[in-house]
Each structure stands twice: as C-alpha cells, then as structure tokens.
Amino acid sequence: MQRNAFVFLEIFSREGGIQSYVRDIFQAYQDHVPHPADIFLLRDGPEPPHPYGQNLTFHYLKTKNPTLGRLRLAAHLLIYLLKTKPQHFYCGHINLAPLVRSLCQPLGIPYTILTYGKEVWEPLDAKKQAALADADRIWTISRYSRDQMCTANAIDPEKVDFLYCAVDGQAFQPAPPAPPLDRKI
C-alpha cells in the first residue's frame, strides 16, 4: 500500500499561524487523499489526542532534552524510511530540511518542503539552501513569500507551488455592504 510521510516541529502543543495552517493541511489530506500518511512530530506529546481519522498515524517524539529529541527524530525517520519507503515525504519546516534531505536523497524518496514566510526570506545557510535546491517541490503560501525565498536563496521559482491559507466559509462570510459614510452624518 502506498504511504506518504510528514515531519513537523510542533502542531498541537502551540497555537499559531503555522500550526493552524498545518491542521488545515491534515484535514484536507484526510478528506481528499486516499493514501495513509505517517506524521512525525518533534516537540508534541500525545496529549491532547489529535482529531483526525485513521488514515493519519501520528508519531510523537517529544523529549525533555532537545538534543536527545533531535537524535530520536533522526533515528525514527531513518528506520521508518528504510522499512516503509513512502511514496513522498513532506518536510514541515526549513529547520528540518537538511535532515530530510540527508535521509531521503540516498534512498531516492522525493521530498517537498513547506515554507510559510519570513523563515526563508533571507539567505539561509548552505545546508538549508541545498535542501531547498534538491527538493522535488517547495510549497509556500504566497507569491511574495516565493519571490523573497527564491531571490534570497537562488531557488528556481518553477519548483515552487502555492498552498494558500484556507478560510472557514462557515465562520467567515461577507457582510452586507455598509451604508455610505455620508448617510451617517
């Protein structure tokens, strides 16, 4: 059976724009992709439990010691990639990209790096630039982020796809137009 895999720093233990964006990706994946996926989380623990269905399997790797956590993540990913050889690997943060590149590239596993904004707008170190350059695809949230990243890090804009932020149409809907201001005076 075909599988995909993802790795992220943290999604459930913190609230923020990236976390909200990634939770939308999980929901869309669950709703529209028939292949199961394994999701590795460096800084999240299993509480609270995730709200997703059975085709998403979460691997929580949180440790008290950050260095031990990174080593644990690398070991888990290597074992997983050797055993499972997923169809595609999605790297959820530029800080994880050099590790993903070093594990996926020798095994011939294509990978995509997700970017969000300012973390890639300035020139990155050589390992992160190499990870971007060697990625099968790069996802970002806007043309502006793409242009900044590509200019700062010599990335071909043709390898970048847009995965725009979602808006909940049930929670946010257009309001009727406000009456002209001169009527209020």
N, C-alpha and C. Protein backbone atom coordinates (compact mmCIF):
# COMPACT_ATOMS: atom_id res chain seq x y z
N MET A 1 0.84 -1.18 0.00
CA MET A 1 0.00 0.00 0.00
C MET A 1 0.89 1.25 0.00
N GLN A 2 0.53 2.20 -0.82
CA GLN A 2 1.28 3.45 -0.87
C GLN A 2 1.04 4.28 0.39
N ARG A 3 2.10 4.94 0.85
CA ARG A 3 2.02 5.81 2.02
C ARG A 3 2.80 7.08 1.73
N ASN A 4 2.43 8.13 2.43
CA ASN A 4 3.20 9.37 2.43
C ASN A 4 3.62 9.62 3.86
N ALA A 5 4.57 10.53 4.05
CA ALA A 5 5.02 10.86 5.40
C ALA A 5 5.27 12.36 5.50
N PHE A 6 5.08 12.87 6.71
CA PHE A 6 5.30 14.28 7.03
C PHE A 6 6.15 14.36 8.29
N VAL A 7 6.90 15.45 8.42
CA VAL A 7 7.59 15.74 9.68
C VAL A 7 7.41 17.23 9.98
N PHE A 8 7.09 17.53 11.24
CA PHE A 8 6.89 18.90 11.70
C PHE A 8 7.57 19.10 13.03
N LEU A 9 7.85 20.35 13.36
CA LEU A 9 8.39 20.66 14.68
C LEU A 9 7.33 20.43 15.75
N GLU A 10 6.22 21.15 15.65
CA GLU A 10 5.12 21.01 16.60
C GLU A 10 3.85 21.56 15.98
N ILE A 11 2.75 20.90 16.30
CA ILE A 11 1.46 21.31 15.74
C ILE A 11 0.41 21.48 16.83
N PHE A 12 0.36 20.57 17.77
CA PHE A 12 -0.72 20.56 18.75
C PHE A 12 -0.38 21.27 20.06
N SER A 13 0.90 21.38 20.41
CA SER A 13 1.26 21.94 21.72
C SER A 13 1.35 23.46 21.71
N ARG A 14 1.15 24.09 20.57
CA ARG A 14 1.25 25.54 20.48
C ARG A 14 0.22 26.03 19.47
N GLU A 15 -0.34 27.21 19.73
CA GLU A 15 -1.26 27.85 18.79
C GLU A 15 -0.50 28.89 17.99
N GLY A 16 -0.74 28.95 16.72
CA GLY A 16 -0.12 29.95 15.88
C GLY A 16 -0.53 29.76 14.44
N GLY A 17 -0.06 30.66 13.60
CA GLY A 17 -0.42 30.62 12.19
C GLY A 17 0.04 29.36 11.49
N ILE A 18 1.28 28.96 11.73
CA ILE A 18 1.79 27.74 11.09
C ILE A 18 1.00 26.53 11.56
N GLN A 19 0.75 26.46 12.86
CA GLN A 19 0.02 25.32 13.41
C GLN A 19 -1.39 25.22 12.82
N SER A 20 -2.08 26.35 12.71
CA SER A 20 -3.41 26.37 12.13
C SER A 20 -3.38 25.95 10.66
N TYR A 21 -2.40 26.46 9.93
CA TYR A 21 -2.22 26.13 8.52
C TYR A 21 -2.00 24.63 8.34
N VAL A 22 -1.14 24.05 9.18
CA VAL A 22 -0.84 22.63 9.07
C VAL A 22 -2.05 21.78 9.44
N ARG A 23 -2.81 22.19 10.42
CA ARG A 23 -4.02 21.43 10.77
C ARG A 23 -5.00 21.43 9.59
N ASP A 24 -5.06 22.54 8.84
CA ASP A 24 -5.88 22.58 7.63
C ASP A 24 -5.35 21.60 6.58
N ILE A 25 -4.04 21.49 6.48
CA ILE A 25 -3.44 20.53 5.55
C ILE A 25 -3.82 19.11 5.95
N PHE A 26 -3.74 18.80 7.24
CA PHE A 26 -4.13 17.46 7.71
C PHE A 26 -5.57 17.15 7.35
N GLN A 27 -6.46 18.13 7.58
CA GLN A 27 -7.88 17.92 7.29
C GLN A 27 -8.09 17.68 5.79
N ALA A 28 -7.44 18.49 4.96
CA ALA A 28 -7.57 18.32 3.51
C ALA A 28 -6.99 16.98 3.06
N TYR A 29 -5.87 16.60 3.63
CA TYR A 29 -5.27 15.31 3.28
C TYR A 29 -6.23 14.18 3.62
N GLN A 30 -6.74 14.23 4.82
CA GLN A 30 -7.67 13.19 5.27
C GLN A 30 -8.89 13.12 4.37
N ASP A 31 -9.40 14.27 3.95
CA ASP A 31 -10.62 14.33 3.15
C ASP A 31 -10.42 13.99 1.67
N HIS A 32 -9.20 14.18 1.14
CA HIS A 32 -9.03 14.11 -0.31
C HIS A 32 -7.94 13.17 -0.83
N VAL A 33 -7.08 12.66 0.05
CA VAL A 33 -6.00 11.79 -0.42
C VAL A 33 -6.28 10.37 0.07
N PRO A 34 -6.32 9.39 -0.85
CA PRO A 34 -6.67 8.04 -0.44
C PRO A 34 -5.56 7.28 0.29
N HIS A 35 -4.31 7.74 0.19
CA HIS A 35 -3.19 7.03 0.80
C HIS A 35 -3.05 7.40 2.27
N PRO A 36 -2.74 6.43 3.12
CA PRO A 36 -2.47 6.75 4.52
C PRO A 36 -1.16 7.53 4.64
N ALA A 37 -1.00 8.22 5.76
CA ALA A 37 0.21 9.01 5.99
C ALA A 37 0.67 8.84 7.43
N ASP A 38 1.98 8.88 7.60
CA ASP A 38 2.60 8.91 8.92
C ASP A 38 3.10 10.32 9.16
N ILE A 39 2.84 10.83 10.36
CA ILE A 39 3.20 12.20 10.70
C ILE A 39 4.08 12.16 11.94
N PHE A 40 5.31 12.67 11.80
CA PHE A 40 6.28 12.69 12.89
C PHE A 40 6.34 14.09 13.47
N LEU A 41 6.21 14.18 14.79
CA LEU A 41 6.17 15.48 15.48
C LEU A 41 7.28 15.54 16.53
N LEU A 42 8.23 16.44 16.33
CA LEU A 42 9.40 16.53 17.20
C LEU A 42 9.06 17.02 18.60
N ARG A 43 8.24 18.05 18.73
CA ARG A 43 8.02 18.69 20.03
C ARG A 43 6.62 18.49 20.59
N ASP A 44 5.82 17.65 19.99
CA ASP A 44 4.48 17.40 20.50
C ASP A 44 4.44 16.07 21.24
N GLY A 45 3.66 16.06 22.32
CA GLY A 45 3.37 14.82 23.02
C GLY A 45 1.98 14.36 22.61
N PRO A 46 1.57 13.16 23.03
CA PRO A 46 0.29 12.63 22.58
C PRO A 46 -0.93 13.25 23.23
N GLU A 47 -0.76 14.21 24.10
CA GLU A 47 -1.93 14.85 24.69
C GLU A 47 -2.04 16.28 24.20
N PRO A 48 -3.18 16.81 23.85
CA PRO A 48 -4.43 16.05 23.70
C PRO A 48 -4.38 15.22 22.43
N PRO A 49 -5.21 14.19 22.35
CA PRO A 49 -5.20 13.36 21.14
C PRO A 49 -5.64 14.17 19.92
N HIS A 50 -5.11 13.81 18.78
CA HIS A 50 -5.46 14.51 17.54
C HIS A 50 -6.89 14.20 17.14
N PRO A 51 -7.51 15.12 16.38
CA PRO A 51 -8.92 14.93 15.99
C PRO A 51 -9.09 14.31 14.60
N TYR A 52 -8.09 13.60 14.09
CA TYR A 52 -8.14 13.12 12.71
C TYR A 52 -8.44 11.64 12.65
N GLY A 53 -8.81 11.20 11.47
CA GLY A 53 -9.21 9.81 11.26
C GLY A 53 -8.06 8.84 11.22
N GLN A 54 -8.37 7.64 10.82
CA GLN A 54 -7.43 6.54 10.89
C GLN A 54 -6.37 6.53 9.79
N ASN A 55 -6.55 7.28 8.72
CA ASN A 55 -5.52 7.22 7.68
C ASN A 55 -4.33 8.13 8.00
N LEU A 56 -4.37 8.87 9.12
CA LEU A 56 -3.23 9.66 9.59
C LEU A 56 -2.73 9.04 10.89
N THR A 57 -1.49 8.57 10.88
CA THR A 57 -0.87 7.98 12.07
C THR A 57 0.18 8.95 12.59
N PHE A 58 0.00 9.37 13.84
CA PHE A 58 0.90 10.35 14.45
C PHE A 58 1.95 9.66 15.30
N HIS A 59 3.20 10.13 15.17
CA HIS A 59 4.33 9.62 15.94
C HIS A 59 4.86 10.79 16.76
N TYR A 60 4.62 10.76 18.06
CA TYR A 60 5.01 11.85 18.96
C TYR A 60 6.39 11.56 19.52
N LEU A 61 7.33 12.50 19.34
CA LEU A 61 8.71 12.26 19.71
C LEU A 61 9.24 13.26 20.73
N LYS A 62 8.37 13.89 21.47
CA LYS A 62 8.76 14.91 22.43
C LYS A 62 9.64 14.30 23.53
N THR A 63 10.74 15.00 23.85
CA THR A 63 11.62 14.64 24.95
C THR A 63 11.93 15.90 25.75
N LYS A 64 12.40 15.73 26.97
CA LYS A 64 12.78 16.89 27.79
C LYS A 64 14.06 17.52 27.28
N ASN A 65 14.96 16.70 26.77
CA ASN A 65 16.25 17.18 26.29
C ASN A 65 16.16 17.41 24.77
N PRO A 66 16.32 18.67 24.30
CA PRO A 66 16.19 18.95 22.86
C PRO A 66 17.18 18.18 21.99
N THR A 67 18.40 18.02 22.44
CA THR A 67 19.39 17.28 21.65
C THR A 67 18.97 15.82 21.50
N LEU A 68 18.53 15.22 22.60
CA LEU A 68 18.04 13.85 22.56
C LEU A 68 16.83 13.74 21.64
N GLY A 69 15.97 14.74 21.66
CA GLY A 69 14.80 14.74 20.79
C GLY A 69 15.17 14.74 19.33
N ARG A 70 16.15 15.55 18.95
CA ARG A 70 16.58 15.59 17.54
C ARG A 70 17.20 14.26 17.12
N LEU A 71 18.01 13.67 18.01
CA LEU A 71 18.60 12.36 17.71
C LEU A 71 17.52 11.28 17.59
N ARG A 72 16.56 11.33 18.48
CA ARG A 72 15.45 10.38 18.46
C ARG A 72 14.66 10.53 17.15
N LEU A 73 14.39 11.77 16.75
CA LEU A 73 13.68 12.01 15.49
C LEU A 73 14.46 11.43 14.32
N ALA A 74 15.76 11.71 14.25
CA ALA A 74 16.58 11.22 13.14
C ALA A 74 16.55 9.69 13.08
N ALA A 75 16.67 9.04 14.24
CA ALA A 75 16.66 7.58 14.27
C ALA A 75 15.31 7.02 13.83
N HIS A 76 14.22 7.61 14.34
CA HIS A 76 12.89 7.15 13.95
C HIS A 76 12.65 7.32 12.45
N LEU A 77 13.06 8.48 11.93
CA LEU A 77 12.85 8.72 10.50
C LEU A 77 13.67 7.74 9.65
N LEU A 78 14.91 7.51 10.02
CA LEU A 78 15.75 6.58 9.25
C LEU A 78 15.15 5.18 9.23
N ILE A 79 14.76 4.68 10.39
CA ILE A 79 14.16 3.35 10.47
C ILE A 79 12.88 3.30 9.65
N TYR A 80 12.05 4.31 9.80
CA TYR A 80 10.78 4.38 9.05
C TYR A 80 11.04 4.38 7.54
N LEU A 81 11.95 5.23 7.08
CA LEU A 81 12.21 5.34 5.65
C LEU A 81 12.77 4.04 5.08
N LEU A 82 13.65 3.38 5.83
CA LEU A 82 14.20 2.10 5.36
C LEU A 82 13.14 1.01 5.30
N LYS A 83 12.25 0.97 6.30
CA LYS A 83 11.21 -0.07 6.34
C LYS A 83 10.06 0.21 5.38
N THR A 84 9.62 1.45 5.33
CA THR A 84 8.38 1.79 4.65
C THR A 84 8.59 2.33 3.25
N LYS A 85 9.67 3.05 3.04
CA LYS A 85 9.93 3.73 1.77
C LYS A 85 8.67 4.40 1.23
N PRO A 86 8.23 5.51 1.88
CA PRO A 86 6.99 6.17 1.46
C PRO A 86 7.09 6.70 0.03
N GLN A 87 5.93 6.87 -0.55
CA GLN A 87 5.85 7.40 -1.92
C GLN A 87 6.42 8.82 -1.97
N HIS A 88 6.14 9.62 -0.93
CA HIS A 88 6.61 11.01 -0.90
C HIS A 88 6.77 11.43 0.55
N PHE A 89 7.72 12.33 0.79
CA PHE A 89 7.97 12.82 2.15
C PHE A 89 7.79 14.34 2.14
N TYR A 90 7.06 14.86 3.13
CA TYR A 90 6.78 16.28 3.24
C TYR A 90 7.47 16.82 4.49
N CYS A 91 8.34 17.78 4.30
CA CYS A 91 9.09 18.39 5.39
C CYS A 91 8.41 19.68 5.80
N GLY A 92 7.96 19.74 7.05
CA GLY A 92 7.14 20.85 7.50
C GLY A 92 7.85 22.07 8.01
N HIS A 93 9.17 22.13 7.97
CA HIS A 93 9.86 23.35 8.40
C HIS A 93 11.27 23.35 7.83
N ILE A 94 11.75 24.51 7.45
CA ILE A 94 13.09 24.64 6.87
C ILE A 94 14.17 24.13 7.82
N ASN A 95 13.95 24.23 9.14
CA ASN A 95 14.97 23.75 10.08
C ASN A 95 15.12 22.23 10.05
N LEU A 96 14.13 21.53 9.56
CA LEU A 96 14.19 20.07 9.43
C LEU A 96 14.67 19.63 8.05
N ALA A 97 14.74 20.56 7.13
CA ALA A 97 15.03 20.22 5.73
C ALA A 97 16.39 19.56 5.51
N PRO A 98 17.48 20.01 6.15
CA PRO A 98 18.75 19.30 5.93
C PRO A 98 18.69 17.83 6.37
N LEU A 99 18.02 17.55 7.48
CA LEU A 99 17.87 16.16 7.92
C LEU A 99 17.06 15.37 6.89
N VAL A 100 15.95 15.92 6.45
CA VAL A 100 15.10 15.23 5.47
C VAL A 100 15.89 14.96 4.19
N ARG A 101 16.63 15.94 3.73
CA ARG A 101 17.45 15.75 2.52
C ARG A 101 18.45 14.62 2.71
N SER A 102 19.14 14.62 3.86
CA SER A 102 20.18 13.61 4.09
C SER A 102 19.62 12.19 4.19
N LEU A 103 18.36 12.07 4.59
CA LEU A 103 17.75 10.75 4.70
C LEU A 103 17.04 10.32 3.42
N CYS A 104 16.33 11.22 2.78
CA CYS A 104 15.54 10.87 1.60
C CYS A 104 16.36 10.73 0.33
N GLN A 105 17.31 11.62 0.14
CA GLN A 105 18.05 11.63 -1.12
C GLN A 105 18.77 10.31 -1.42
N PRO A 106 19.52 9.73 -0.46
CA PRO A 106 20.19 8.45 -0.78
C PRO A 106 19.22 7.30 -1.05
N LEU A 107 18.01 7.41 -0.51
CA LEU A 107 17.02 6.34 -0.70
C LEU A 107 16.13 6.58 -1.92
N GLY A 108 16.33 7.71 -2.60
CA GLY A 108 15.54 8.01 -3.79
C GLY A 108 14.10 8.38 -3.48
N ILE A 109 13.85 8.89 -2.29
CA ILE A 109 12.49 9.28 -1.91
C ILE A 109 12.32 10.77 -2.18
N PRO A 110 11.38 11.14 -3.06
CA PRO A 110 11.17 12.56 -3.33
C PRO A 110 10.60 13.26 -2.10
N TYR A 111 11.02 14.52 -1.92
CA TYR A 111 10.50 15.27 -0.78
C TYR A 111 10.10 16.68 -1.19
N THR A 112 9.13 17.20 -0.45
CA THR A 112 8.64 18.56 -0.62
C THR A 112 8.86 19.29 0.68
N ILE A 113 9.31 20.55 0.60
CA ILE A 113 9.50 21.37 1.79
C ILE A 113 8.38 22.41 1.84
N LEU A 114 7.73 22.51 2.99
CA LEU A 114 6.70 23.51 3.22
C LEU A 114 7.34 24.75 3.81
N THR A 115 7.08 25.91 3.22
CA THR A 115 7.57 27.17 3.77
C THR A 115 6.37 28.07 4.01
N TYR A 116 6.56 29.03 4.89
CA TYR A 116 5.42 29.85 5.31
C TYR A 116 5.67 31.34 5.09
N GLY A 117 6.86 31.81 5.38
CA GLY A 117 7.09 33.25 5.28
C GLY A 117 8.53 33.59 5.58
N LYS A 118 8.69 34.47 6.56
CA LYS A 118 9.98 35.11 6.79
C LYS A 118 11.12 34.16 7.13
N GLU A 119 10.83 32.91 7.51
CA GLU A 119 11.92 31.98 7.83
C GLU A 119 12.79 31.65 6.61
N VAL A 120 12.31 31.99 5.39
CA VAL A 120 13.09 31.72 4.18
C VAL A 120 13.33 32.99 3.35
N TRP A 121 13.03 34.14 3.90
CA TRP A 121 13.16 35.38 3.14
C TRP A 121 14.58 35.93 3.09
N GLU A 122 15.44 35.50 3.97
CA GLU A 122 16.84 35.93 3.99
C GLU A 122 17.71 34.76 3.52
N PRO A 123 18.96 35.06 3.12
CA PRO A 123 19.84 33.95 2.71
C PRO A 123 20.01 32.94 3.86
N LEU A 124 19.80 31.68 3.54
CA LEU A 124 19.92 30.59 4.50
C LEU A 124 21.33 30.01 4.46
N ASP A 125 21.67 29.20 5.46
CA ASP A 125 22.99 28.56 5.44
C ASP A 125 23.02 27.54 4.29
N ALA A 126 24.21 27.09 3.96
CA ALA A 126 24.42 26.23 2.78
C ALA A 126 23.60 24.93 2.85
N LYS A 127 23.48 24.33 4.04
CA LYS A 127 22.73 23.06 4.15
C LYS A 127 21.24 23.26 3.86
N LYS A 128 20.69 24.36 4.33
CA LYS A 128 19.27 24.63 4.07
C LYS A 128 19.05 25.00 2.61
N GLN A 129 19.96 25.75 2.03
CA GLN A 129 19.84 26.09 0.61
C GLN A 129 19.93 24.82 -0.25
N ALA A 130 20.84 23.92 0.12
CA ALA A 130 20.97 22.66 -0.64
C ALA A 130 19.69 21.83 -0.52
N ALA A 131 19.10 21.81 0.67
CA ALA A 131 17.85 21.06 0.86
C ALA A 131 16.74 21.63 -0.01
N LEU A 132 16.64 22.96 -0.08
CA LEU A 132 15.65 23.60 -0.95
C LEU A 132 15.94 23.28 -2.42
N ALA A 133 17.19 23.42 -2.82
CA ALA A 133 17.55 23.19 -4.22
C ALA A 133 17.29 21.75 -4.65
N ASP A 134 17.50 20.79 -3.75
CA ASP A 134 17.34 19.38 -4.10
C ASP A 134 15.92 18.86 -3.89
N ALA A 135 15.06 19.65 -3.29
CA ALA A 135 13.68 19.21 -3.06
C ALA A 135 12.98 18.98 -4.39
N ASP A 136 12.09 18.00 -4.39
CA ASP A 136 11.28 17.75 -5.57
C ASP A 136 10.38 18.95 -5.85
N ARG A 137 9.75 19.46 -4.79
CA ARG A 137 8.89 20.65 -4.87
C ARG A 137 9.05 21.44 -3.58
N ILE A 138 8.65 22.69 -3.63
CA ILE A 138 8.58 23.56 -2.46
C ILE A 138 7.18 24.16 -2.44
N TRP A 139 6.53 24.12 -1.30
CA TRP A 139 5.22 24.75 -1.15
C TRP A 139 5.37 26.01 -0.32
N THR A 140 4.65 27.04 -0.72
CA THR A 140 4.62 28.26 0.08
C THR A 140 3.22 28.87 0.00
N ILE A 141 2.99 29.88 0.83
CA ILE A 141 1.63 30.40 0.98
C ILE A 141 1.30 31.60 0.11
N SER A 142 2.30 32.21 -0.53
CA SER A 142 2.00 33.40 -1.34
C SER A 142 3.08 33.64 -2.38
N ARG A 143 2.74 34.46 -3.37
CA ARG A 143 3.73 34.85 -4.37
C ARG A 143 4.86 35.64 -3.72
N TYR A 144 4.49 36.50 -2.77
CA TYR A 144 5.50 37.31 -2.09
C TYR A 144 6.52 36.41 -1.38
N SER A 145 6.05 35.42 -0.65
CA SER A 145 6.97 34.50 0.04
C SER A 145 7.83 33.75 -0.97
N ARG A 146 7.23 33.31 -2.06
CA ARG A 146 8.01 32.63 -3.10
C ARG A 146 9.10 33.54 -3.64
N ASP A 147 8.73 34.76 -3.99
CA ASP A 147 9.69 35.68 -4.60
C ASP A 147 10.83 36.00 -3.64
N GLN A 148 10.51 36.25 -2.38
CA GLN A 148 11.55 36.55 -1.38
C GLN A 148 12.49 35.36 -1.20
N MET A 149 11.92 34.16 -1.06
CA MET A 149 12.72 32.95 -0.87
C MET A 149 13.62 32.69 -2.08
N CYS A 150 13.05 32.77 -3.26
CA CYS A 150 13.81 32.47 -4.47
C CYS A 150 14.94 33.46 -4.69
N THR A 151 14.67 34.73 -4.45
CA THR A 151 15.70 35.76 -4.62
C THR A 151 16.82 35.59 -3.60
N ALA A 152 16.46 35.39 -2.34
CA ALA A 152 17.45 35.31 -1.27
C ALA A 152 18.28 34.03 -1.33
N ASN A 153 17.71 32.95 -1.90
CA ASN A 153 18.37 31.65 -1.82
C ASN A 153 18.61 30.98 -3.16
N ALA A 154 18.53 31.76 -4.25
CA ALA A 154 18.82 31.27 -5.61
C ALA A 154 18.03 30.00 -5.94
N ILE A 155 16.71 30.04 -5.68
CA ILE A 155 15.83 28.91 -5.95
C ILE A 155 15.05 29.21 -7.23
N ASP A 156 14.90 28.21 -8.06
CA ASP A 156 14.12 28.34 -9.29
C ASP A 156 12.63 28.48 -8.93
N PRO A 157 12.00 29.59 -9.28
CA PRO A 157 10.58 29.77 -8.96
C PRO A 157 9.67 28.70 -9.56
N GLU A 158 10.12 28.02 -10.60
CA GLU A 158 9.31 26.98 -11.24
C GLU A 158 9.12 25.74 -10.37
N LYS A 159 9.96 25.56 -9.35
CA LYS A 159 9.80 24.40 -8.49
C LYS A 159 8.92 24.69 -7.27
N VAL A 160 8.35 25.91 -7.22
CA VAL A 160 7.54 26.33 -6.08
C VAL A 160 6.06 26.29 -6.45
N ASP A 161 5.28 25.64 -5.59
CA ASP A 161 3.82 25.59 -5.73
C ASP A 161 3.19 26.39 -4.61
N PHE A 162 1.98 26.88 -4.85
CA PHE A 162 1.26 27.65 -3.82
C PHE A 162 0.25 26.76 -3.12
N LEU A 163 0.28 26.80 -1.83
CA LEU A 163 -0.72 26.15 -1.00
C LEU A 163 -1.23 27.25 -0.07
N TYR A 164 -2.23 27.96 -0.56
CA TYR A 164 -2.72 29.14 0.14
C TYR A 164 -3.39 28.78 1.46
N CYS A 165 -3.43 29.74 2.35
CA CYS A 165 -4.12 29.57 3.63
C CYS A 165 -5.62 29.42 3.36
N ALA A 166 -6.25 28.55 4.15
CA ALA A 166 -7.69 28.30 3.99
C ALA A 166 -8.49 29.26 4.85
N VAL A 167 -9.72 29.50 4.44
CA VAL A 167 -10.66 30.31 5.21
C VAL A 167 -11.90 29.46 5.45
N ASP A 168 -12.33 29.38 6.69
CA ASP A 168 -13.53 28.62 7.04
C ASP A 168 -14.76 29.40 6.61
N GLY A 169 -15.41 28.93 5.54
CA GLY A 169 -16.58 29.61 4.99
C GLY A 169 -17.79 29.59 5.90
N GLN A 170 -17.81 28.70 6.88
CA GLN A 170 -18.89 28.68 7.86
C GLN A 170 -18.71 29.77 8.91
N ALA A 171 -17.46 30.05 9.26
CA ALA A 171 -17.19 31.04 10.31
C ALA A 171 -17.06 32.45 9.74
N PHE A 172 -16.57 32.57 8.53
CA PHE A 172 -16.32 33.89 7.94
C PHE A 172 -17.09 34.01 6.63
N GLN A 173 -18.01 34.97 6.59
CA GLN A 173 -18.81 35.20 5.39
C GLN A 173 -18.89 36.70 5.14
N PRO A 174 -19.03 37.08 3.87
CA PRO A 174 -19.14 38.51 3.58
C PRO A 174 -20.36 39.12 4.27
N ALA A 175 -20.17 40.29 4.81
CA ALA A 175 -21.29 41.02 5.43
C ALA A 175 -21.93 41.92 4.38
N PRO A 176 -23.17 42.33 4.62
CA PRO A 176 -23.77 43.27 3.67
C PRO A 176 -22.96 44.56 3.63
N PRO A 177 -22.95 45.23 2.51
CA PRO A 177 -22.17 46.47 2.43
C PRO A 177 -22.64 47.49 3.47
N ALA A 178 -21.69 48.21 4.02
CA ALA A 178 -22.01 49.26 4.99
C ALA A 178 -22.65 50.43 4.24
N PRO A 179 -23.61 51.11 4.87
CA PRO A 179 -24.19 52.28 4.19
C PRO A 179 -23.11 53.33 3.97
N PRO A 180 -23.25 54.11 2.93
CA PRO A 180 -22.24 55.13 2.68
C PRO A 180 -22.04 56.03 3.91
N LEU A 181 -20.84 56.44 4.08
CA LEU A 181 -20.48 57.25 5.25
C LEU A 181 -21.29 58.56 5.30
N ASP A 182 -21.56 59.17 4.15
CA ASP A 182 -22.27 60.46 4.17
C ASP A 182 -23.71 60.31 4.67
N ARG A 183 -24.28 59.12 4.61
CA ARG A 183 -25.62 58.92 5.16
C ARG A 183 -25.62 58.90 6.69
N LYS A 184 -24.47 58.59 7.27
CA LYS A 184 -24.37 58.51 8.71
C LYS A 184 -24.17 59.89 9.34
N ILE A 185 -23.84 60.89 8.56
CA ILE A 185 -23.56 62.22 9.12
C ILE A 185 -24.79 63.06 9.19
